[in-house]
Amino acid sequence: MEVGPRDGLQNEKTLVSTQNKLELVRRAIEAGARRIEVTSFVNPRRVPQMADAAEVCAGLPEVEGVLYTGLVMNAKGGERAIATGRIHELGAVCVASDRFAIANQGQTSLESVDAAKGLIAMAQDAGLRGQATIGAAFGCPFEGEIAEDHVVEMARKLAEADPVEIALADTIGVADPAHVSRLVRAVGDAIGPIPVRVHFHNTRGTGIANVWAAVDAGARVVDAALGGLGGCPFAPGAAGNVASEDVVYMLHRAGVATDMDLGKLVEANQWLATVMERTLPSMVARAPAFPKPIEAAEA
């Protein structure tokens, strides 16, 4: 799942034009992305970067096999997303701690689970897909450690709404591979056959290792953002997402197919760096190509 247009950009102080957001979507599709989180339908005063959600949706290209996701926090956001006629999937969010849930969406943790279940039902009633993310599943910026049993129970309750998947998000980048492996397996056992998706931030440099641990433990979908941009306005210290280029490089080298074109991702990174006017965090885009093309090696 390419989340650059939403999670990658939402915390950027410099507003990115609607045209460039759509170009980012186009380049992601060209690189092979078939699920893209294109925007969020939230209060524009709280997240100004997402104020053009309707305009972004109006300009989305119609490409067979490509699914567009809109992040929604409440029924009003769900209604806005559905009204665009261009969103295929509503992404709901609940949060594993009370203090962060209140900061993020004005609800306690358990209230956010009930709200997410309602949004999944709203999507289904509209003929769309519905999925949910458990934010701060590996640690909270306000409360610290999160009990794994609590996250598993949240996932069980979400599964009652029959979402297409349930995601575990390391919102502030505190997870480690052992923790990831345990929690992905435990949640997978609790909600099967519903797939587990994972969402990692690279705040402390463990993001890629966590992706591998999650895939090894059975996660079916990995969120990543072109260039490694990202962060949460309501989570102090949260840094960028794992970079799409870095995730694809690692998985391909390990023999895991993704149908993504690494070369086109690197080209998209170079374009996005000009838009953001800085070098992006991705490591692979800054490294020499490996292995080198045969023609180049022979020359």
Protein backbone atom coordinates (compact mmCIF):
# COMPACT_ATOMS: atom_id res chain seq x y z
CA MET A 1 0.00 0.00 0.00
CA GLU A 2 1.56 3.28 -1.12
CA VAL A 3 0.72 5.85 1.57
CA GLY A 4 2.90 8.72 0.35
CA PRO A 5 0.09 10.99 -0.88
CA ARG A 6 -1.55 10.90 2.56
CA ASP A 7 0.75 9.86 5.40
CA GLY A 8 3.84 10.93 3.51
CA LEU A 9 2.64 14.49 3.05
CA GLN A 10 0.25 15.18 5.94
CA ASN A 11 2.91 16.46 8.33
CA GLU A 12 4.80 18.59 5.80
CA LYS A 13 4.70 22.29 6.64
CA THR A 14 5.04 23.36 3.00
CA LEU A 15 1.74 22.82 1.23
CA VAL A 16 2.01 20.56 -1.79
CA SER A 17 -0.20 21.49 -4.74
CA THR A 18 -3.11 19.31 -5.80
CA GLN A 19 -1.40 18.91 -9.17
CA ASN A 20 1.75 17.53 -7.56
CA LYS A 21 -0.24 15.19 -5.32
CA LEU A 22 -1.91 13.78 -8.43
CA GLU A 23 1.46 13.47 -10.14
CA LEU A 24 2.69 11.52 -7.12
CA VAL A 25 -0.27 9.16 -7.50
CA ARG A 26 0.41 8.80 -11.23
CA ARG A 27 4.07 7.98 -10.63
CA ALA A 28 3.18 5.46 -7.94
CA ILE A 29 0.86 3.70 -10.38
CA GLU A 30 3.54 3.76 -13.06
CA ALA A 31 5.90 2.07 -10.58
CA GLY A 32 3.37 -0.71 -10.00
CA ALA A 33 1.34 0.43 -6.98
CA ARG A 34 -2.18 -1.00 -7.04
CA ARG A 35 -3.39 0.23 -3.65
CA ILE A 36 -2.81 3.88 -2.84
CA GLU A 37 -3.89 5.88 0.20
CA VAL A 38 -4.60 9.11 -1.66
CA THR A 39 -5.84 11.49 1.03
CA SER A 40 -7.66 11.84 4.34
CA PHE A 41 -11.04 13.37 5.00
CA VAL A 42 -10.26 15.22 8.20
CA ASN A 43 -10.69 18.71 9.58
CA PRO A 44 -8.57 20.96 7.32
CA ARG A 45 -7.84 23.28 10.23
CA ARG A 46 -6.09 20.43 12.02
CA VAL A 47 -4.38 18.95 8.94
CA PRO A 48 -4.11 21.74 6.33
CA GLN A 49 -2.16 19.54 3.90
CA MET A 50 -5.31 17.43 3.36
CA ALA A 51 -7.67 20.38 2.75
CA ASP A 52 -7.87 19.56 -0.98
CA ALA A 53 -9.14 15.99 -0.49
CA ALA A 54 -12.14 16.46 -2.80
CA GLU A 55 -10.01 18.08 -5.51
CA VAL A 56 -7.45 15.27 -5.33
CA CYS A 57 -10.19 12.67 -5.69
CA ALA A 58 -11.74 14.51 -8.63
CA GLY A 59 -8.43 14.32 -10.48
CA LEU A 60 -7.55 10.68 -9.80
CA PRO A 61 -6.85 8.66 -12.94
CA GLU A 62 -9.12 5.73 -13.65
CA VAL A 63 -6.83 2.73 -13.94
CA GLU A 64 -8.11 -0.83 -14.00
CA GLY A 65 -6.98 -2.78 -10.96
CA VAL A 66 -5.97 0.27 -8.91
CA LEU A 67 -7.76 0.84 -5.59
CA TYR A 68 -7.84 4.25 -3.90
CA THR A 69 -8.13 4.51 -0.12
CA GLY A 70 -9.34 7.49 1.87
CA LEU A 71 -8.51 7.77 5.58
CA VAL A 72 -11.52 8.74 7.69
CA MET A 73 -11.85 9.44 11.40
CA ASN A 74 -15.60 9.81 11.77
CA ALA A 75 -18.93 9.51 9.98
CA LYS A 76 -18.65 13.00 8.50
CA GLY A 77 -15.33 12.09 6.95
CA GLY A 78 -16.80 8.83 5.68
CA GLU A 79 -19.67 10.68 4.05
CA ARG A 80 -17.25 13.09 2.36
CA ALA A 81 -15.15 10.21 1.04
CA ILE A 82 -18.14 8.31 -0.31
CA ALA A 83 -19.54 11.46 -1.91
CA THR A 84 -16.46 11.84 -4.13
CA GLY A 85 -17.40 8.70 -6.02
CA ARG A 86 -13.69 7.95 -6.51
CA ILE A 87 -12.74 6.19 -3.27
CA HIS A 88 -12.81 2.39 -3.29
CA GLU A 89 -11.93 1.82 0.35
CA LEU A 90 -12.43 3.62 3.65
CA GLY A 91 -9.56 3.34 6.10
CA ALA A 92 -10.65 3.78 9.70
CA VAL A 93 -8.31 4.33 12.64
CA CYS A 94 -8.52 3.33 16.27
CA VAL A 95 -5.77 3.91 18.80
CA ALA A 96 -4.29 1.59 21.41
CA SER A 97 -4.00 4.17 24.20
CA ASP A 98 -6.55 6.55 25.67
CA ARG A 99 -4.34 9.65 25.73
CA PHE A 100 -3.26 9.34 22.12
CA ALA A 101 -6.78 8.41 20.99
CA ILE A 102 -8.11 11.57 22.63
CA ALA A 103 -5.35 13.71 21.06
CA ASN A 104 -5.82 12.12 17.64
CA GLN A 105 -9.60 11.90 17.39
CA GLY A 106 -11.24 12.96 20.64
CA GLN A 107 -12.15 9.45 21.82
CA THR A 108 -10.91 6.86 24.28
CA SER A 109 -9.26 3.74 22.91
CA LEU A 110 -12.36 1.57 23.19
CA GLU A 111 -14.57 4.33 21.80
CA SER A 112 -12.26 4.53 18.79
CA VAL A 113 -12.74 0.80 18.17
CA ASP A 114 -16.52 1.24 18.12
CA ALA A 115 -16.17 4.23 15.79
CA ALA A 116 -13.92 2.25 13.44
CA LYS A 117 -16.42 -0.60 13.32
CA GLY A 118 -19.12 1.90 12.40
CA LEU A 119 -17.00 3.28 9.57
CA ILE A 120 -16.32 -0.21 8.22
CA ALA A 121 -20.08 -0.80 8.18
CA MET A 122 -20.60 2.56 6.44
CA ALA A 123 -18.16 1.52 3.72
CA GLN A 124 -19.84 -1.83 3.27
CA ASP A 125 -23.31 -0.25 3.09
CA ALA A 126 -22.00 2.00 0.30
CA GLY A 127 -20.61 -0.96 -1.63
CA LEU A 128 -17.01 -0.11 -0.73
CA ARG A 129 -14.25 -1.92 1.09
CA GLY A 130 -13.61 -1.11 4.74
CA GLN A 131 -10.43 -1.66 6.73
CA ALA A 132 -9.03 -0.47 10.04
CA THR A 133 -5.67 0.45 11.53
CA ILE A 134 -4.74 0.14 15.20
CA GLY A 135 -2.53 3.16 15.80
CA ALA A 136 0.23 3.22 18.44
CA ALA A 137 0.02 -0.58 18.54
CA PHE A 138 3.67 -0.89 19.60
CA GLY A 139 3.98 2.12 21.88
CA CYS A 140 2.38 5.46 22.76
CA PRO A 141 4.07 8.88 22.87
CA PHE A 142 2.10 9.73 26.03
CA GLU A 143 1.58 6.45 27.90
CA GLY A 144 4.65 4.47 26.86
CA GLU A 145 4.36 0.69 26.60
CA ILE A 146 1.14 -0.84 25.25
CA ALA A 147 -0.01 -4.26 26.47
CA GLU A 148 0.04 -6.76 23.62
CA ASP A 149 -3.11 -8.46 24.94
CA HIS A 150 -4.95 -5.14 24.64
CA VAL A 151 -4.00 -4.81 20.97
CA VAL A 152 -5.05 -8.39 20.27
CA GLU A 153 -8.42 -7.77 21.93
CA MET A 154 -8.90 -4.60 19.88
CA ALA A 155 -8.22 -6.61 16.74
CA ARG A 156 -10.75 -9.24 17.78
CA LYS A 157 -13.42 -6.58 18.25
CA LEU A 158 -12.60 -5.00 14.88
CA ALA A 159 -12.83 -8.40 13.20
CA GLU A 160 -16.50 -8.54 14.20
CA ALA A 161 -17.13 -5.88 11.53
CA ASP A 162 -15.55 -8.09 8.83
CA PRO A 163 -12.99 -5.60 7.47
CA VAL A 164 -10.88 -6.55 4.45
CA GLU A 165 -7.83 -6.35 6.75
CA ILE A 166 -6.60 -5.01 10.08
CA ALA A 167 -3.37 -3.03 10.28
CA LEU A 168 -0.93 -2.67 13.15
CA ALA A 169 0.75 0.74 13.11
CA ASP A 170 3.99 1.67 14.83
CA THR A 171 2.99 5.32 14.79
CA ILE A 172 6.05 6.67 16.59
CA GLY A 173 8.66 4.15 15.43
CA VAL A 174 9.42 2.36 18.69
CA ALA A 175 8.88 -1.26 17.62
CA ASP A 176 11.60 -3.90 17.41
CA PRO A 177 11.57 -7.08 15.28
CA ALA A 178 10.91 -9.44 18.19
CA HIS A 179 7.90 -7.38 19.34
CA VAL A 180 6.64 -7.17 15.76
CA SER A 181 6.92 -10.91 15.24
CA ARG A 182 5.03 -11.69 18.45
CA LEU A 183 2.23 -9.20 17.85
CA VAL A 184 1.70 -9.97 14.16
CA ARG A 185 1.46 -13.69 14.94
CA ALA A 186 -0.87 -13.14 17.89
CA VAL A 187 -3.19 -10.83 15.95
CA GLY A 188 -3.10 -13.10 12.91
CA ASP A 189 -4.14 -16.05 15.08
CA ALA A 190 -6.94 -13.99 16.64
CA ILE A 191 -8.49 -12.59 13.45
CA GLY A 192 -7.74 -15.22 10.79
CA PRO A 193 -8.58 -15.50 7.94
CA ILE A 194 -8.66 -11.66 7.92
CA PRO A 195 -5.19 -10.51 6.76
CA VAL A 196 -2.80 -8.45 8.87
CA ARG A 197 -1.34 -5.27 7.36
CA VAL A 198 1.57 -3.39 8.94
CA HIS A 199 2.58 0.26 9.04
CA PHE A 200 6.02 1.26 10.31
CA HIS A 201 7.78 4.55 10.90
CA ASN A 202 11.55 4.63 10.80
CA THR A 203 12.04 7.02 13.72
CA ARG A 204 14.73 4.90 15.37
CA GLY A 205 16.12 3.12 12.31
CA THR A 206 14.30 -0.19 12.90
CA GLY A 207 11.61 0.22 10.23
CA ILE A 208 13.01 -2.08 7.55
CA ALA A 209 13.93 -4.79 10.06
CA ASN A 210 10.38 -4.56 11.40
CA VAL A 211 8.95 -4.98 7.90
CA TRP A 212 10.92 -8.18 7.43
CA ALA A 213 9.87 -9.52 10.84
CA ALA A 214 6.22 -8.76 10.01
CA VAL A 215 6.33 -10.44 6.59
CA ASP A 216 8.08 -13.46 8.12
CA ALA A 217 5.35 -13.62 10.79
CA GLY A 218 2.57 -13.64 8.17
CA ALA A 219 1.68 -10.01 7.44
CA ARG A 220 0.17 -9.83 3.96
CA VAL A 221 0.34 -6.09 3.21
CA VAL A 222 2.99 -3.48 4.02
CA ASP A 223 2.41 0.28 4.04
CA ALA A 224 5.25 2.40 2.67
CA ALA A 225 5.71 5.98 1.49
CA LEU A 226 7.75 7.12 -1.48
CA GLY A 227 10.97 8.71 -0.30
CA GLY A 228 10.35 7.81 3.34
CA LEU A 229 8.33 10.95 4.06
CA GLY A 230 5.73 11.02 6.81
CA GLY A 231 4.78 11.68 10.38
CA CYS A 232 1.73 12.30 12.52
CA PRO A 233 0.68 15.83 13.57
CA PHE A 234 -0.59 14.46 16.90
CA ALA A 235 2.32 12.15 17.78
CA PRO A 236 5.34 14.07 19.11
CA GLY A 237 8.61 12.85 17.60
CA ALA A 238 7.08 10.65 14.89
CA ALA A 239 9.37 10.56 11.85
CA GLY A 240 8.93 9.29 8.31
CA ASN A 241 7.38 6.08 7.07
CA VAL A 242 9.51 3.25 5.80
CA ALA A 243 10.41 4.22 2.24
CA SER A 244 8.73 2.39 -0.62
CA GLU A 245 12.07 2.09 -2.44
CA ASP A 246 13.81 0.60 0.60
CA VAL A 247 11.01 -1.91 1.28
CA VAL A 248 10.84 -3.03 -2.34
CA TYR A 249 14.62 -3.40 -2.60
CA MET A 250 14.78 -5.53 0.54
CA LEU A 251 11.86 -7.76 -0.43
CA HIS A 252 13.08 -8.28 -4.00
CA ARG A 253 16.60 -9.14 -2.82
CA ALA A 254 15.05 -11.65 -0.40
CA GLY A 255 13.02 -13.27 -3.17
CA VAL A 256 9.64 -11.80 -2.20
CA ALA A 257 7.75 -10.56 -5.26
CA THR A 258 5.89 -7.25 -5.09
CA ASP A 259 5.19 -6.42 -8.77
CA MET A 260 6.79 -3.03 -8.10
CA ASP A 261 9.42 -1.46 -10.38
CA LEU A 262 12.32 -0.31 -8.21
CA GLY A 263 13.85 1.82 -10.96
CA LYS A 264 10.65 3.78 -11.43
CA LEU A 265 10.35 4.26 -7.67
CA VAL A 266 13.83 5.76 -7.59
CA GLU A 267 12.91 8.05 -10.50
CA ALA A 268 9.77 9.10 -8.62
CA ASN A 269 11.89 9.78 -5.54
CA GLN A 270 14.12 12.11 -7.56
CA TRP A 271 11.07 13.97 -8.87
CA LEU A 272 9.52 14.26 -5.39
CA ALA A 273 12.79 15.58 -3.97
CA THR A 274 12.54 18.52 -6.38
CA VAL A 275 8.97 19.19 -5.21
CA MET A 276 9.97 19.08 -1.54
CA GLU A 277 13.23 20.95 -2.27
CA ARG A 278 15.38 18.57 -0.25
CA THR A 279 16.93 15.12 -0.32
CA LEU A 280 14.42 12.55 0.91
CA PRO A 281 15.16 10.05 3.71
CA SER A 282 15.12 6.91 1.52
CA MET A 283 18.47 5.08 1.57
CA VAL A 284 18.13 3.07 -1.64
CA ALA A 285 17.48 6.13 -3.78
CA ARG A 286 20.82 7.60 -2.63
CA ALA A 287 22.83 4.43 -3.19
CA PRO A 288 24.30 3.10 -6.46
CA ALA A 289 22.07 0.65 -8.30
CA PHE A 290 22.68 -2.99 -7.35
CA PRO A 291 23.05 -5.25 -9.13
CA LYS A 292 24.16 -3.08 -12.01
CA PRO A 293 22.36 -3.59 -15.35
CA ILE A 294 24.22 -6.12 -17.50
CA GLU A 295 24.88 -3.52 -20.21
CA ALA A 296 26.48 -1.15 -17.71
CA ALA A 297 28.55 -3.92 -16.16
CA GLU A 298 29.84 -5.06 -19.56
CA ALA A 299 30.63 -1.49 -20.66
